[in-house]
Amino acid sequence: MRYIDTLKEGMRISEVYLCKSRQIAQTKAGKDYGNLVLQDKTGTIDSKIWDLNSPGIGSFDAMDYVYVDADVTMFQGNHQLNIRRIRRADEGEYSPQDYLPVSAKDIDSMYDQLLEFVRSIRNPYLNRLAASFFVDDAEFARAFRFHSAAKSVHHGFVGGLLEHTLSVVGICSYLANHYPELNRDLLISAAMFHDIGKMKELSALPENDYTDDGQLLGHIVIGAEMVNDHIREIAGFPKKLRTELLHCILAHHGELEFGSPKKPALLEALALSFADNMDAKLETMIEAIRSGGDNAGWLGYNRFLETNLRRTSE
């Protein structure tokens, strides 16, 4: 199988991919064309069907596995497929495990590292709260290890939520050591919980799309509710500590225009928002560079980072 991350400009391929999305768009001249995103475990690639009336264009839907004949081209620094023929793939032509993007890091090892951080929390109430999710709840732990952290922007793969959470926790641990004014237990706990709402905001892979709760409430509110539900089960949990922890979760996007119901009012909330933003933006840029293949020049404009991107020279 030719995986997406191995495709080169000028190739002609005949392969099966997962059709992540399918839309009908129009050229400037008003002609309809197919706008697809195809996926395998190494990533996604934008794909076009310029002639929808071609006899080689069969019937298929989003989330179908599709067999394509296509040419690999470059557009704005990224690989793209120009599809000549496409049809729904038959059973036996593909193995589903080839089409789920997976973290390049070992998931078991990452989860063990996260548990080390859980054990490092000295405050008995925060330690008990973290353990109630990551140690005691086997179903939560399994789903957390599998889930992605985003639909498409960053960490959108199996283990992505775990990888992102562990990275943010690690950054927060460094900040707590560098700035002794920070309450380490509060900051580490908030970092562990900051994105757990994504488990209900996004459906499981391979669909990995927004649920009704995700569209109507968003992961920040959902995550705060999940944490608050567990706090109610811990006798004597301090009210002020509960409020400070929930504030950190609610403010972790930093600005109201970025979806936070509150702006950071605590030192720990501010530190968490910086750590989350740092990891998200760096991973977004890393994934954009990877998608550029061997292109050593400018990779084009990235709408998430709002700038043109280029690899660092050796």
C-alpha atoms as a PDB file:
ATOM      1  CA  MET A   1       0.000   0.000   0.000  1.00  0.00           C
ATOM      2  CA  ARG A   2       1.184   3.523  -0.782  1.00  0.00           C
ATOM      3  CA  TYR A   3       0.631   5.506   2.403  1.00  0.00           C
ATOM      4  CA  ILE A   4      -0.208   9.177   2.096  1.00  0.00           C
ATOM      5  CA  ASP A   5       3.025  10.322   3.742  1.00  0.00           C
ATOM      6  CA  THR A   6       5.026   8.565   0.993  1.00  0.00           C
ATOM      7  CA  LEU A   7       3.277  10.207  -1.976  1.00  0.00           C
ATOM      8  CA  LYS A   8       5.401  12.335  -4.299  1.00  0.00           C
ATOM      9  CA  GLU A   9       4.438  14.848  -6.956  1.00  0.00           C
ATOM     10  CA  GLY A  10       4.106  13.179 -10.360  1.00  0.00           C
ATOM     11  CA  MET A  11       3.048   9.756  -9.056  1.00  0.00           C
ATOM     12  CA  ARG A  12       0.034   7.957 -10.510  1.00  0.00           C
ATOM     13  CA  ILE A  13      -1.532   5.746  -7.854  1.00  0.00           C
ATOM     14  CA  SER A  14      -4.214   3.086  -7.545  1.00  0.00           C
ATOM     15  CA  GLU A  15      -5.007   2.622  -3.854  1.00  0.00           C
ATOM     16  CA  VAL A  16      -7.762   2.314  -1.251  1.00  0.00           C
ATOM     17  CA  TYR A  17      -8.240   5.175   1.225  1.00  0.00           C
ATOM     18  CA  LEU A  18     -10.885   6.181   3.733  1.00  0.00           C
ATOM     19  CA  CYS A  19     -13.075   9.018   2.419  1.00  0.00           C
ATOM     20  CA  LYS A  20     -13.120  11.303   5.462  1.00  0.00           C
ATOM     21  CA  SER A  21     -15.315  13.944   3.854  1.00  0.00           C
ATOM     22  CA  ARG A  22     -17.005  14.649   0.527  1.00  0.00           C
ATOM     23  CA  GLN A  23     -18.453  17.932  -0.728  1.00  0.00           C
ATOM     24  CA  ILE A  24     -19.562  19.433  -4.012  1.00  0.00           C
ATOM     25  CA  ALA A  25     -17.867  22.760  -4.749  1.00  0.00           C
ATOM     26  CA  GLN A  26     -17.774  25.091  -7.725  1.00  0.00           C
ATOM     27  CA  THR A  27     -14.946  26.479  -9.800  1.00  0.00           C
ATOM     28  CA  LYS A  28     -14.795  30.206 -10.545  1.00  0.00           C
ATOM     29  CA  ALA A  29     -16.434  29.364 -13.872  1.00  0.00           C
ATOM     30  CA  GLY A  30     -19.383  27.799 -12.028  1.00  0.00           C
ATOM     31  CA  LYS A  31     -18.594  24.154 -12.799  1.00  0.00           C
ATOM     32  CA  ASP A  32     -19.256  21.589 -10.076  1.00  0.00           C
ATOM     33  CA  TYR A  33     -16.393  19.446  -8.827  1.00  0.00           C
ATOM     34  CA  GLY A  34     -15.847  16.991  -5.993  1.00  0.00           C
ATOM     35  CA  ASN A  35     -13.846  18.165  -2.988  1.00  0.00           C
ATOM     36  CA  LEU A  36     -12.693  15.181  -0.902  1.00  0.00           C
ATOM     37  CA  VAL A  37     -10.422  14.507   2.048  1.00  0.00           C
ATOM     38  CA  LEU A  38      -8.901  11.025   1.935  1.00  0.00           C
ATOM     39  CA  GLN A  39      -7.189   9.425   4.915  1.00  0.00           C
ATOM     40  CA  ASP A  40      -4.949   6.588   5.986  1.00  0.00           C
ATOM     41  CA  LYS A  41      -3.045   6.047   9.219  1.00  0.00           C
ATOM     42  CA  THR A  42      -0.253   8.395   8.131  1.00  0.00           C
ATOM     43  CA  GLY A  43      -2.469  11.431   7.519  1.00  0.00           C
ATOM     44  CA  THR A  44      -4.948  13.050   5.149  1.00  0.00           C
ATOM     45  CA  ILE A  45      -4.759  14.500   1.649  1.00  0.00           C
ATOM     46  CA  ASP A  46      -7.043  16.932  -0.174  1.00  0.00           C
ATOM     47  CA  SER A  47      -8.423  15.372  -3.344  1.00  0.00           C
ATOM     48  CA  LYS A  48     -10.392  16.670  -6.325  1.00  0.00           C
ATOM     49  CA  ILE A  49     -12.764  15.101  -8.844  1.00  0.00           C
ATOM     50  CA  TRP A  50     -12.775  17.634 -11.643  1.00  0.00           C
ATOM     51  CA  ASP A  51     -15.203  15.722 -13.916  1.00  0.00           C
ATOM     52  CA  LEU A  52     -18.142  14.436 -11.867  1.00  0.00           C
ATOM     53  CA  ASN A  53     -19.824  13.047 -14.997  1.00  0.00           C
ATOM     54  CA  SER A  54     -16.932  10.792 -15.949  1.00  0.00           C
ATOM     55  CA  PRO A  55     -17.930   7.108 -16.297  1.00  0.00           C
ATOM     56  CA  GLY A  56     -15.100   6.307 -13.885  1.00  0.00           C
ATOM     57  CA  ILE A  57     -16.803   8.111 -11.003  1.00  0.00           C
ATOM     58  CA  GLY A  58     -18.770   5.533  -9.015  1.00  0.00           C
ATOM     59  CA  SER A  59     -21.172   5.830  -6.097  1.00  0.00           C
ATOM     60  CA  PHE A  60     -19.720   6.344  -2.607  1.00  0.00           C
ATOM     61  CA  ASP A  61     -20.307   8.345   0.564  1.00  0.00           C
ATOM     62  CA  ALA A  62     -18.234   9.997   3.267  1.00  0.00           C
ATOM     63  CA  MET A  63     -16.718   7.416   5.671  1.00  0.00           C
ATOM     64  CA  ASP A  64     -16.641   4.789   2.899  1.00  0.00           C
ATOM     65  CA  TYR A  65     -13.409   3.082   1.925  1.00  0.00           C
ATOM     66  CA  VAL A  66     -12.805   4.040  -1.701  1.00  0.00           C
ATOM     67  CA  TYR A  67     -10.575   2.683  -4.464  1.00  0.00           C
ATOM     68  CA  VAL A  68      -9.030   5.552  -6.423  1.00  0.00           C
ATOM     69  CA  ASP A  69      -6.934   6.022  -9.533  1.00  0.00           C
ATOM     70  CA  ALA A  70      -5.322   9.438  -9.189  1.00  0.00           C
ATOM     71  CA  ASP A  71      -2.386  11.690 -10.025  1.00  0.00           C
ATOM     72  CA  VAL A  72      -0.354  13.276  -7.224  1.00  0.00           C
ATOM     73  CA  THR A  73       0.125  17.033  -7.684  1.00  0.00           C
ATOM     74  CA  MET A  74       1.206  19.978  -5.526  1.00  0.00           C
ATOM     75  CA  PHE A  75      -1.037  22.913  -4.582  1.00  0.00           C
ATOM     76  CA  GLN A  76       0.123  25.748  -2.325  1.00  0.00           C
ATOM     77  CA  GLY A  77       2.953  23.631  -1.009  1.00  0.00           C
ATOM     78  CA  ASN A  78       0.862  20.560  -0.163  1.00  0.00           C
ATOM     79  CA  HIS A  79       0.258  17.300  -1.976  1.00  0.00           C
ATOM     80  CA  GLN A  80      -3.128  16.857  -3.630  1.00  0.00           C
ATOM     81  CA  LEU A  81      -4.812  14.061  -5.582  1.00  0.00           C
ATOM     82  CA  ASN A  82      -6.479  14.641  -8.921  1.00  0.00           C
ATOM     83  CA  ILE A  83      -8.853  11.685  -9.115  1.00  0.00           C
ATOM     84  CA  ARG A  84      -9.510  10.003 -12.471  1.00  0.00           C
ATOM     85  CA  ARG A  85     -11.552   7.031 -11.241  1.00  0.00           C
ATOM     86  CA  ILE A  86     -13.140   6.249  -7.881  1.00  0.00           C
ATOM     87  CA  ARG A  87     -15.517   3.629  -6.486  1.00  0.00           C
ATOM     88  CA  ARG A  88     -16.560   2.164  -3.151  1.00  0.00           C
ATOM     89  CA  ALA A  89     -13.999  -0.471  -2.151  1.00  0.00           C
ATOM     90  CA  ASP A  90     -15.090  -4.067  -1.669  1.00  0.00           C
ATOM     91  CA  GLU A  91     -14.534  -5.993   1.547  1.00  0.00           C
ATOM     92  CA  GLY A  92     -11.197  -7.750   1.391  1.00  0.00           C
ATOM     93  CA  GLU A  93      -9.565  -4.867  -0.496  1.00  0.00           C
ATOM     94  CA  TYR A  94      -8.552  -3.074   2.702  1.00  0.00           C
ATOM     95  CA  SER A  95      -7.650  -3.583   6.367  1.00  0.00           C
ATOM     96  CA  PRO A  96      -9.288  -0.961   8.653  1.00  0.00           C
ATOM     97  CA  GLN A  97      -6.186  -0.678  10.858  1.00  0.00           C
ATOM     98  CA  ASP A  98      -4.319   0.886   7.919  1.00  0.00           C
ATOM     99  CA  TYR A  99      -6.611   3.897   7.974  1.00  0.00           C
ATOM    100  CA  LEU A 100      -6.545   5.095  11.591  1.00  0.00           C
ATOM    101  CA  PRO A 101      -3.794   7.652  12.229  1.00  0.00           C
ATOM    102  CA  VAL A 102      -1.950   6.706  15.413  1.00  0.00           C
ATOM    103  CA  SER A 103       0.438   8.628  17.646  1.00  0.00           C
ATOM    104  CA  ALA A 104       4.069   7.989  16.786  1.00  0.00           C
ATOM    105  CA  LYS A 105       4.709   7.671  20.520  1.00  0.00           C
ATOM    106  CA  ASP A 106       4.046   4.529  22.555  1.00  0.00           C
ATOM    107  CA  ILE A 107       0.577   4.853  24.087  1.00  0.00           C
ATOM    108  CA  ASP A 108       1.242   2.552  27.043  1.00  0.00           C
ATOM    109  CA  SER A 109       4.427   4.437  27.904  1.00  0.00           C
ATOM    110  CA  MET A 110       2.644   7.798  27.698  1.00  0.00           C
ATOM    111  CA  TYR A 111      -0.137   6.609  29.974  1.00  0.00           C
ATOM    112  CA  ASP A 112       2.401   5.330  32.512  1.00  0.00           C
ATOM    113  CA  GLN A 113       4.033   8.769  32.486  1.00  0.00           C
ATOM    114  CA  LEU A 114       0.659  10.405  33.071  1.00  0.00           C
ATOM    115  CA  LEU A 115       0.050   8.093  36.043  1.00  0.00           C
ATOM    116  CA  GLU A 116       3.416   9.178  37.476  1.00  0.00           C
ATOM    117  CA  PHE A 117       2.120  12.748  37.443  1.00  0.00           C
ATOM    118  CA  VAL A 118      -1.100  11.587  39.150  1.00  0.00           C
ATOM    119  CA  ARG A 119       0.985  10.005  41.927  1.00  0.00           C
ATOM    120  CA  SER A 120       3.028  13.212  42.271  1.00  0.00           C
ATOM    121  CA  ILE A 121      -0.026  15.275  43.329  1.00  0.00           C
ATOM    122  CA  ARG A 122       0.309  15.834  47.075  1.00  0.00           C
ATOM    123  CA  ASN A 123      -3.028  17.496  47.790  1.00  0.00           C
ATOM    124  CA  PRO A 124      -5.216  14.554  48.918  1.00  0.00           C
ATOM    125  CA  TYR A 125      -8.386  15.892  47.305  1.00  0.00           C
ATOM    126  CA  LEU A 126      -6.794  16.599  43.930  1.00  0.00           C
ATOM    127  CA  ASN A 127      -4.945  13.279  44.049  1.00  0.00           C
ATOM    128  CA  ARG A 128      -8.204  11.444  44.766  1.00  0.00           C
ATOM    129  CA  LEU A 129      -9.951  13.329  41.966  1.00  0.00           C
ATOM    130  CA  ALA A 130      -7.260  12.522  39.391  1.00  0.00           C
ATOM    131  CA  ALA A 131      -7.203   8.868  40.463  1.00  0.00           C
ATOM    132  CA  SER A 132     -10.990   8.641  40.119  1.00  0.00           C
ATOM    133  CA  PHE A 133     -10.560   9.277  36.385  1.00  0.00           C
ATOM    134  CA  PHE A 134      -7.197   7.871  35.347  1.00  0.00           C
ATOM    135  CA  VAL A 135      -6.730   4.981  37.825  1.00  0.00           C
ATOM    136  CA  ASP A 136     -10.122   3.762  39.038  1.00  0.00           C
ATOM    137  CA  ASP A 137     -12.249   4.118  35.892  1.00  0.00           C
ATOM    138  CA  ALA A 138     -11.056   1.461  33.426  1.00  0.00           C
ATOM    139  CA  GLU A 139     -13.619   2.449  30.772  1.00  0.00           C
ATOM    140  CA  PHE A 140     -12.566   6.106  30.937  1.00  0.00           C
ATOM    141  CA  ALA A 141      -8.884   5.133  30.756  1.00  0.00           C
ATOM    142  CA  ARG A 142      -9.433   2.966  27.671  1.00  0.00           C
ATOM    143  CA  ALA A 143     -11.406   5.668  25.857  1.00  0.00           C
ATOM    144  CA  PHE A 144      -8.940   8.400  26.876  1.00  0.00           C
ATOM    145  CA  ARG A 145      -5.994   6.426  25.485  1.00  0.00           C
ATOM    146  CA  PHE A 146      -7.799   5.911  22.150  1.00  0.00           C
ATOM    147  CA  HIS A 147      -9.317   9.364  21.609  1.00  0.00           C
ATOM    148  CA  SER A 148      -8.045  12.170  19.401  1.00  0.00           C
ATOM    149  CA  ALA A 149      -7.562  15.738  20.618  1.00  0.00           C
ATOM    150  CA  ALA A 150      -9.027  17.490  17.584  1.00  0.00           C
ATOM    151  CA  LYS A 151     -10.949  17.001  14.372  1.00  0.00           C
ATOM    152  CA  SER A 152      -8.205  18.316  12.117  1.00  0.00           C
ATOM    153  CA  VAL A 153      -6.047  21.068  13.647  1.00  0.00           C
ATOM    154  CA  HIS A 154      -3.642  19.190  15.928  1.00  0.00           C
ATOM    155  CA  HIS A 155      -3.309  15.731  17.519  1.00  0.00           C
ATOM    156  CA  GLY A 156      -6.168  14.364  15.392  1.00  0.00           C
ATOM    157  CA  PHE A 157      -5.148  10.726  15.760  1.00  0.00           C
ATOM    158  CA  VAL A 158      -5.440   7.683  18.024  1.00  0.00           C
ATOM    159  CA  GLY A 159      -3.643   8.616  21.231  1.00  0.00           C
ATOM    160  CA  GLY A 160      -3.762  12.299  20.319  1.00  0.00           C
ATOM    161  CA  LEU A 161      -5.672  13.377  23.420  1.00  0.00           C
ATOM    162  CA  LEU A 162      -3.250  11.471  25.651  1.00  0.00           C
ATOM    163  CA  GLU A 163      -0.206  12.830  23.814  1.00  0.00           C
ATOM    164  CA  HIS A 164      -1.457  16.424  24.010  1.00  0.00           C
ATOM    165  CA  THR A 165      -2.499  16.118  27.655  1.00  0.00           C
ATOM    166  CA  LEU A 166       0.829  14.613  28.700  1.00  0.00           C
ATOM    167  CA  SER A 167       2.693  17.343  26.816  1.00  0.00           C
ATOM    168  CA  VAL A 168       0.680  20.111  28.493  1.00  0.00           C
ATOM    169  CA  VAL A 169       1.148  18.473  31.910  1.00  0.00           C
ATOM    170  CA  GLY A 170       4.900  18.284  31.283  1.00  0.00           C
ATOM    171  CA  ILE A 171       5.080  21.951  30.276  1.00  0.00           C
ATOM    172  CA  CYS A 172       3.067  22.898  33.375  1.00  0.00           C
ATOM    173  CA  SER A 173       5.397  20.834  35.573  1.00  0.00           C
ATOM    174  CA  TYR A 174       8.352  22.778  34.151  1.00  0.00           C
ATOM    175  CA  LEU A 175       6.569  26.086  34.740  1.00  0.00           C
ATOM    176  CA  ALA A 176       5.772  25.120  38.328  1.00  0.00           C
ATOM    177  CA  ASN A 177       9.458  24.385  38.950  1.00  0.00           C
ATOM    178  CA  HIS A 178      10.509  27.640  37.285  1.00  0.00           C
ATOM    179  CA  TYR A 179       7.896  29.830  38.987  1.00  0.00           C
ATOM    180  CA  PRO A 180       7.578  28.840  42.680  1.00  0.00           C
ATOM    181  CA  GLU A 181       4.570  31.147  43.020  1.00  0.00           C
ATOM    182  CA  LEU A 182       2.484  28.594  41.104  1.00  0.00           C
ATOM    183  CA  ASN A 183       0.418  26.028  43.006  1.00  0.00           C
ATOM    184  CA  ARG A 184       1.858  22.922  41.352  1.00  0.00           C
ATOM    185  CA  ASP A 185      -0.883  20.511  42.436  1.00  0.00           C
ATOM    186  CA  LEU A 186      -3.625  22.783  41.132  1.00  0.00           C
ATOM    187  CA  LEU A 187      -1.803  23.465  37.867  1.00  0.00           C
ATOM    188  CA  ILE A 188      -0.927  19.804  37.169  1.00  0.00           C
ATOM    189  CA  SER A 189      -4.483  18.682  37.972  1.00  0.00           C
ATOM    190  CA  ALA A 190      -6.013  21.342  35.730  1.00  0.00           C
ATOM    191  CA  ALA A 191      -3.640  20.331  32.911  1.00  0.00           C
ATOM    192  CA  MET A 192      -4.766  16.700  33.202  1.00  0.00           C
ATOM    193  CA  PHE A 193      -8.420  17.672  33.017  1.00  0.00           C
ATOM    194  CA  HIS A 194      -8.325  20.619  30.633  1.00  0.00           C
ATOM    195  CA  ASP A 195      -9.376  18.699  27.502  1.00  0.00           C
ATOM    196  CA  ILE A 196     -11.251  15.648  28.822  1.00  0.00           C
ATOM    197  CA  GLY A 197     -14.458  17.182  27.463  1.00  0.00           C
ATOM    198  CA  LYS A 198     -13.176  16.324  23.976  1.00  0.00           C
ATOM    199  CA  MET A 199     -14.105  12.717  24.702  1.00  0.00           C
ATOM    200  CA  LYS A 200     -17.747  13.815  24.412  1.00  0.00           C
ATOM    201  CA  GLU A 201     -17.210  16.742  22.028  1.00  0.00           C
ATOM    202  CA  LEU A 202     -15.791  14.478  19.301  1.00  0.00           C
ATOM    203  CA  SER A 203     -17.029  11.069  18.205  1.00  0.00           C
ATOM    204  CA  ALA A 204     -14.580   8.186  18.201  1.00  0.00           C
ATOM    205  CA  LEU A 205     -12.233   7.543  15.291  1.00  0.00           C
ATOM    206  CA  PRO A 206     -12.450   6.996  12.390  1.00  0.00           C
ATOM    207  CA  GLU A 207     -15.442   9.364  12.275  1.00  0.00           C
ATOM    208  CA  ASN A 208     -13.831  11.867  14.679  1.00  0.00           C
ATOM    209  CA  ASP A 209     -16.503  14.520  14.105  1.00  0.00           C
ATOM    210  CA  TYR A 210     -18.394  16.914  16.349  1.00  0.00           C
ATOM    211  CA  THR A 211     -21.253  15.421  18.353  1.00  0.00           C
ATOM    212  CA  ASP A 212     -24.434  17.332  19.195  1.00  0.00           C
ATOM    213  CA  ASP A 213     -23.012  18.022  22.675  1.00  0.00           C
ATOM    214  CA  GLY A 214     -19.798  19.176  21.065  1.00  0.00           C
ATOM    215  CA  GLN A 215     -21.601  21.602  18.784  1.00  0.00           C
ATOM    216  CA  LEU A 216     -23.998  22.935  21.424  1.00  0.00           C
ATOM    217  CA  LEU A 217     -21.794  22.958  24.543  1.00  0.00           C
ATOM    218  CA  GLY A 218     -18.140  22.518  23.548  1.00  0.00           C
ATOM    219  CA  HIS A 219     -15.394  20.598  25.297  1.00  0.00           C
ATOM    220  CA  ILE A 220     -14.593  23.316  27.851  1.00  0.00           C
ATOM    221  CA  VAL A 221     -18.054  23.288  29.417  1.00  0.00           C
ATOM    222  CA  ILE A 222     -18.394  19.513  29.035  1.00  0.00           C
ATOM    223  CA  GLY A 223     -15.036  18.942  30.737  1.00  0.00           C
ATOM    224  CA  ALA A 224     -15.895  21.240  33.646  1.00  0.00           C
ATOM    225  CA  GLU A 225     -19.156  19.323  34.135  1.00  0.00           C
ATOM    226  CA  MET A 226     -17.337  15.968  34.102  1.00  0.00           C
ATOM    227  CA  VAL A 227     -14.875  17.141  36.747  1.00  0.00           C
ATOM    228  CA  ASN A 228     -17.607  18.704  38.881  1.00  0.00           C
ATOM    229  CA  ASP A 229     -19.578  15.437  38.816  1.00  0.00           C
ATOM    230  CA  HIS A 230     -16.569  13.567  40.225  1.00  0.00           C
ATOM    231  CA  ILE A 231     -15.900  16.261  42.836  1.00  0.00           C
ATOM    232  CA  ARG A 232     -19.417  15.741  44.214  1.00  0.00           C
ATOM    233  CA  GLU A 233     -18.468  12.132  44.992  1.00  0.00           C
ATOM    234  CA  ILE A 234     -15.463  13.136  47.140  1.00  0.00           C
ATOM    235  CA  ALA A 235     -16.505  13.919  50.690  1.00  0.00           C
ATOM    236  CA  GLY A 236     -15.138  17.174  52.075  1.00  0.00           C
ATOM    237  CA  PHE A 237     -13.677  18.452  48.808  1.00  0.00           C
ATOM    238  CA  PRO A 238     -12.894  22.126  49.594  1.00  0.00           C
ATOM    239  CA  LYS A 239     -15.297  24.516  47.902  1.00  0.00           C
ATOM    240  CA  LYS A 240     -12.617  27.110  47.114  1.00  0.00           C
ATOM    241  CA  LEU A 241     -10.330  24.470  45.590  1.00  0.00           C
ATOM    242  CA  ARG A 242     -13.226  23.213  43.456  1.00  0.00           C
ATOM    243  CA  THR A 243     -13.903  26.732  42.164  1.00  0.00           C
ATOM    244  CA  GLU A 244     -10.236  27.393  41.384  1.00  0.00           C
ATOM    245  CA  LEU A 245      -9.848  24.104  39.522  1.00  0.00           C
ATOM    246  CA  LEU A 246     -13.011  24.648  37.478  1.00  0.00           C
ATOM    247  CA  HIS A 247     -11.892  28.202  36.682  1.00  0.00           C
ATOM    248  CA  CYS A 248      -8.593  26.888  35.267  1.00  0.00           C
ATOM    249  CA  ILE A 249     -10.515  24.506  32.999  1.00  0.00           C
ATOM    250  CA  LEU A 250     -13.028  27.154  31.899  1.00  0.00           C
ATOM    251  CA  ALA A 251     -10.275  29.705  31.153  1.00  0.00           C
ATOM    252  CA  HIS A 252      -7.729  27.463  29.436  1.00  0.00           C
ATOM    253  CA  HIS A 253      -8.246  28.946  25.955  1.00  0.00           C
ATOM    254  CA  GLY A 254      -7.113  32.256  27.375  1.00  0.00           C
ATOM    255  CA  GLU A 255      -9.461  34.639  25.568  1.00  0.00           C
ATOM    256  CA  LEU A 256     -13.229  34.920  25.221  1.00  0.00           C
ATOM    257  CA  GLU A 257     -12.932  35.031  21.430  1.00  0.00           C
ATOM    258  CA  PHE A 258     -11.111  31.686  21.507  1.00  0.00           C
ATOM    259  CA  GLY A 259     -14.010  29.972  23.266  1.00  0.00           C
ATOM    260  CA  SER A 260     -13.148  30.381  26.943  1.00  0.00           C
ATOM    261  CA  PRO A 261     -16.197  31.270  29.079  1.00  0.00           C
ATOM    262  CA  LYS A 262     -13.782  33.139  31.376  1.00  0.00           C
ATOM    263  CA  LYS A 263     -10.410  34.828  30.967  1.00  0.00           C
ATOM    264  CA  PRO A 264      -7.650  33.612  33.315  1.00  0.00           C
ATOM    265  CA  ALA A 265      -7.927  35.272  36.720  1.00  0.00           C
ATOM    266  CA  LEU A 266      -5.548  32.933  38.562  1.00  0.00           C
ATOM    267  CA  LEU A 267      -1.827  32.513  38.006  1.00  0.00           C
ATOM    268  CA  GLU A 268      -2.364  28.790  37.392  1.00  0.00           C
ATOM    269  CA  ALA A 269      -5.107  29.463  34.835  1.00  0.00           C
ATOM    270  CA  LEU A 270      -2.797  31.810  32.928  1.00  0.00           C
ATOM    271  CA  ALA A 271       0.051  29.287  32.972  1.00  0.00           C
ATOM    272  CA  LEU A 272      -2.265  26.521  31.733  1.00  0.00           C
ATOM    273  CA  SER A 273      -3.543  28.672  28.858  1.00  0.00           C
ATOM    274  CA  PHE A 274       0.041  29.365  27.735  1.00  0.00           C
ATOM    275  CA  ALA A 275       1.021  25.686  27.970  1.00  0.00           C
ATOM    276  CA  ASP A 276      -2.046  24.536  26.017  1.00  0.00           C
ATOM    277  CA  ASN A 277      -1.545  27.174  23.327  1.00  0.00           C
ATOM    278  CA  MET A 278       2.159  26.360  23.012  1.00  0.00           C
ATOM    279  CA  ASP A 279       1.625  22.637  22.514  1.00  0.00           C
ATOM    280  CA  ALA A 280      -1.310  23.087  20.140  1.00  0.00           C
ATOM    281  CA  LYS A 281       0.494  25.597  17.912  1.00  0.00           C
ATOM    282  CA  LEU A 282       3.782  23.703  17.810  1.00  0.00           C
ATOM    283  CA  GLU A 283       2.017  20.452  16.908  1.00  0.00           C
ATOM    284  CA  THR A 284      -0.033  22.270  14.248  1.00  0.00           C
ATOM    285  CA  MET A 285       3.172  23.529  12.647  1.00  0.00           C
ATOM    286  CA  ILE A 286       4.919  20.151  12.947  1.00  0.00           C
ATOM    287  CA  GLU A 287       1.990  18.415  11.232  1.00  0.00           C
ATOM    288  CA  ALA A 288       1.935  21.062   8.474  1.00  0.00           C
ATOM    289  CA  ILE A 289       5.658  20.570   7.833  1.00  0.00           C
ATOM    290  CA  ARG A 290       5.240  16.785   7.722  1.00  0.00           C
ATOM    291  CA  SER A 291       2.400  17.088   5.225  1.00  0.00           C
ATOM    292  CA  GLY A 292       4.714  19.021   2.923  1.00  0.00           C
ATOM    293  CA  GLY A 293       6.758  15.882   2.294  1.00  0.00           C
ATOM    294  CA  ASP A 294      10.251  16.613   0.972  1.00  0.00           C
ATOM    295  CA  ASN A 295       9.370  20.173  -0.036  1.00  0.00           C
ATOM    296  CA  ALA A 296      12.280  22.283   1.217  1.00  0.00           C
ATOM    297  CA  GLY A 297      10.719  25.584   0.184  1.00  0.00           C
ATOM    298  CA  TRP A 298       7.766  27.576   1.398  1.00  0.00           C
ATOM    299  CA  LEU A 299       4.778  25.395   2.305  1.00  0.00           C
ATOM    300  CA  GLY A 300       2.083  28.004   1.741  1.00  0.00           C
ATOM    301  CA  TYR A 301      -0.329  29.844   4.008  1.00  0.00           C
ATOM    302  CA  ASN A 302      -1.624  28.044   7.083  1.00  0.00           C
ATOM    303  CA  ARG A 303      -5.008  29.392   8.142  1.00  0.00           C
ATOM    304  CA  PHE A 304      -4.692  28.114  11.712  1.00  0.00           C
ATOM    305  CA  LEU A 305      -1.347  29.828  12.303  1.00  0.00           C
ATOM    306  CA  GLU A 306      -2.241  32.733   9.973  1.00  0.00           C
ATOM    307  CA  THR A 307       1.136  32.833   8.271  1.00  0.00           C
ATOM    308  CA  ASN A 308       3.164  31.260   5.464  1.00  0.00           C
ATOM    309  CA  LEU A 309       5.304  28.355   6.664  1.00  0.00           C
ATOM    310  CA  ARG A 310       8.766  27.090   5.708  1.00  0.00           C
ATOM    311  CA  ARG A 311      11.087  24.409   7.024  1.00  0.00           C
ATOM    312  CA  THR A 312      14.147  25.499   8.969  1.00  0.00           C
ATOM    313  CA  SER A 313      17.259  25.158   6.801  1.00  0.00           C
ATOM    314  CA  GLU A 314      19.789  22.544   7.873  1.00  0.00           C
END
